Amino acid sequence: MAVIVNPVTFPGQDIYSVKDTKVKKIVAVGFDNKMDAKDKRNELSKDIWEKWKKKDEKDRGPKPLPYIVVKGEDHPKHRLYTRNGEKN
């Protein structure tokens, strides 16, 4: 899967990104607005959510989130390392 680069209003700003939860890789970068990143996440998750909606309510469980919005490298509170000292 290729990384999708979003044109930003502030050049060089990567405030938010979209991450694939299965392979733990960033799939879309360059969002300066969290709502834009969420729109991209919803667009990428649309097919999986359609399959989830078709299942019976008793059998489907919680709504799957195959993609999540994470802080980008230019975010003021971006952490390079986790609590365990492992690289993020």
C-alpha atoms as a PDB file:
ATOM      1  CA  MET A   1       0.000   0.000   0.000  1.00  0.00           C
ATOM      2  CA  ALA A   2       1.394   3.399  -0.958  1.00  0.00           C
ATOM      3  CA  VAL A   3       1.597   6.354   1.386  1.00  0.00           C
ATOM      4  CA  ILE A   4      -0.941   9.041   0.507  1.00  0.00           C
ATOM      5  CA  VAL A   5       0.474  12.553   0.767  1.00  0.00           C
ATOM      6  CA  ASN A   6      -2.068  15.269   1.497  1.00  0.00           C
ATOM      7  CA  PRO A   7      -1.307  18.827   0.336  1.00  0.00           C
ATOM      8  CA  VAL A   8      -1.117  20.993   3.456  1.00  0.00           C
ATOM      9  CA  THR A   9      -1.936  24.655   3.934  1.00  0.00           C
ATOM     10  CA  PHE A  10       1.271  25.190   5.918  1.00  0.00           C
ATOM     11  CA  PRO A  11       4.126  23.696   3.872  1.00  0.00           C
ATOM     12  CA  GLY A  12       6.281  21.310   5.854  1.00  0.00           C
ATOM     13  CA  GLN A  13       3.672  20.712   8.566  1.00  0.00           C
ATOM     14  CA  ASP A  14       2.730  17.121   9.365  1.00  0.00           C
ATOM     15  CA  ILE A  15       0.481  17.642  12.399  1.00  0.00           C
ATOM     16  CA  TYR A  16      -1.711  14.519  11.990  1.00  0.00           C
ATOM     17  CA  SER A  17      -1.334  11.220  10.108  1.00  0.00           C
ATOM     18  CA  VAL A  18      -3.494   8.146   9.469  1.00  0.00           C
ATOM     19  CA  LYS A  19      -2.127   4.788  10.637  1.00  0.00           C
ATOM     20  CA  ASP A  20      -3.120   1.238   9.626  1.00  0.00           C
ATOM     21  CA  THR A  21      -3.734  -0.723  12.836  1.00  0.00           C
ATOM     22  CA  LYS A  22      -3.041  -4.159  11.347  1.00  0.00           C
ATOM     23  CA  VAL A  23       0.439  -3.510   9.975  1.00  0.00           C
ATOM     24  CA  LYS A  24       1.161  -0.517  12.262  1.00  0.00           C
ATOM     25  CA  LYS A  25       2.337   1.682   9.379  1.00  0.00           C
ATOM     26  CA  ILE A  26       1.461   5.253   8.447  1.00  0.00           C
ATOM     27  CA  VAL A  27      -0.674   5.242   5.278  1.00  0.00           C
ATOM     28  CA  ALA A  28      -1.519   8.968   4.893  1.00  0.00           C
ATOM     29  CA  VAL A  29       0.547  11.958   6.018  1.00  0.00           C
ATOM     30  CA  GLY A  30       0.476  15.741   5.890  1.00  0.00           C
ATOM     31  CA  PHE A  31      -2.757  16.728   7.606  1.00  0.00           C
ATOM     32  CA  ASP A  32      -2.713  20.043   9.457  1.00  0.00           C
ATOM     33  CA  ASN A  33      -6.288  19.603  10.679  1.00  0.00           C
ATOM     34  CA  LYS A  34      -7.562  16.638  12.714  1.00  0.00           C
ATOM     35  CA  MET A  35     -10.951  16.658  10.967  1.00  0.00           C
ATOM     36  CA  ASP A  36      -9.264  16.284   7.562  1.00  0.00           C
ATOM     37  CA  ALA A  37      -7.345  13.300   8.898  1.00  0.00           C
ATOM     38  CA  LYS A  38     -10.566  11.789  10.265  1.00  0.00           C
ATOM     39  CA  ASP A  39     -12.268  12.270   6.885  1.00  0.00           C
ATOM     40  CA  LYS A  40      -9.410  10.383   5.215  1.00  0.00           C
ATOM     41  CA  ARG A  41      -9.635   7.643   7.881  1.00  0.00           C
ATOM     42  CA  ASN A  42     -13.380   7.322   7.226  1.00  0.00           C
ATOM     43  CA  GLU A  43     -12.784   7.144   3.480  1.00  0.00           C
ATOM     44  CA  LEU A  44     -10.200   4.362   3.896  1.00  0.00           C
ATOM     45  CA  SER A  45     -12.434   2.451   6.349  1.00  0.00           C
ATOM     46  CA  LYS A  46     -15.630   2.738   4.280  1.00  0.00           C
ATOM     47  CA  ASP A  47     -15.481  -0.772   2.752  1.00  0.00           C
ATOM     48  CA  ILE A  48     -14.874  -2.497   6.078  1.00  0.00           C
ATOM     49  CA  TRP A  49     -17.660  -0.523   7.750  1.00  0.00           C
ATOM     50  CA  GLU A  50     -20.092  -1.494   4.957  1.00  0.00           C
ATOM     51  CA  LYS A  51     -19.354  -5.193   5.594  1.00  0.00           C
ATOM     52  CA  TRP A  52     -19.769  -4.594   9.333  1.00  0.00           C
ATOM     53  CA  LYS A  53     -23.190  -2.926   8.832  1.00  0.00           C
ATOM     54  CA  LYS A  54     -24.460  -5.891   6.783  1.00  0.00           C
ATOM     55  CA  LYS A  55     -23.908  -8.337   9.665  1.00  0.00           C
ATOM     56  CA  ASP A  56     -26.691  -9.115  12.128  1.00  0.00           C
ATOM     57  CA  GLU A  57     -26.638  -6.765  15.141  1.00  0.00           C
ATOM     58  CA  LYS A  58     -26.140  -9.650  17.576  1.00  0.00           C
ATOM     59  CA  ASP A  59     -23.121 -11.010  15.700  1.00  0.00           C
ATOM     60  CA  ARG A  60     -21.263  -7.884  14.621  1.00  0.00           C
ATOM     61  CA  GLY A  61     -19.681  -6.639  17.866  1.00  0.00           C
ATOM     62  CA  PRO A  62     -18.034  -3.221  18.204  1.00  0.00           C
ATOM     63  CA  LYS A  63     -17.355  -1.054  15.152  1.00  0.00           C
ATOM     64  CA  PRO A  64     -13.933  -1.932  13.690  1.00  0.00           C
ATOM     65  CA  LEU A  65     -11.294   0.782  13.386  1.00  0.00           C
ATOM     66  CA  PRO A  66      -8.766  -0.459  10.800  1.00  0.00           C
ATOM     67  CA  TYR A  67      -7.245   3.031  10.536  1.00  0.00           C
ATOM     68  CA  ILE A  68      -6.629   5.558  13.312  1.00  0.00           C
ATOM     69  CA  VAL A  69      -5.552   9.200  13.471  1.00  0.00           C
ATOM     70  CA  VAL A  70      -2.174   9.737  15.175  1.00  0.00           C
ATOM     71  CA  LYS A  71       0.002  12.754  15.894  1.00  0.00           C
ATOM     72  CA  GLY A  72       2.406  13.577  13.080  1.00  0.00           C
ATOM     73  CA  GLU A  73       6.078  14.412  13.372  1.00  0.00           C
ATOM     74  CA  ASP A  74       5.426  18.184  13.473  1.00  0.00           C
ATOM     75  CA  HIS A  75       2.774  17.933  16.211  1.00  0.00           C
ATOM     76  CA  PRO A  76       3.798  19.856  19.363  1.00  0.00           C
ATOM     77  CA  LYS A  77       3.251  16.780  21.558  1.00  0.00           C
ATOM     78  CA  HIS A  78       4.692  14.138  19.196  1.00  0.00           C
ATOM     79  CA  ARG A  79       6.757  11.499  21.023  1.00  0.00           C
ATOM     80  CA  LEU A  80       9.487   9.589  19.292  1.00  0.00           C
ATOM     81  CA  TYR A  81       9.674   6.902  21.974  1.00  0.00           C
ATOM     82  CA  THR A  82       7.009   5.032  23.943  1.00  0.00           C
ATOM     83  CA  ARG A  83       6.951   4.535  27.709  1.00  0.00           C
ATOM     84  CA  ASN A  84       8.935   1.300  27.374  1.00  0.00           C
ATOM     85  CA  GLY A  85      11.748   3.099  25.566  1.00  0.00           C
ATOM     86  CA  GLU A  86      10.907   1.470  22.228  1.00  0.00           C
ATOM     87  CA  LYS A  87      10.943   3.596  19.111  1.00  0.00           C
ATOM     88  CA  ASN A  88       7.447   4.555  17.992  1.00  0.00           C
END
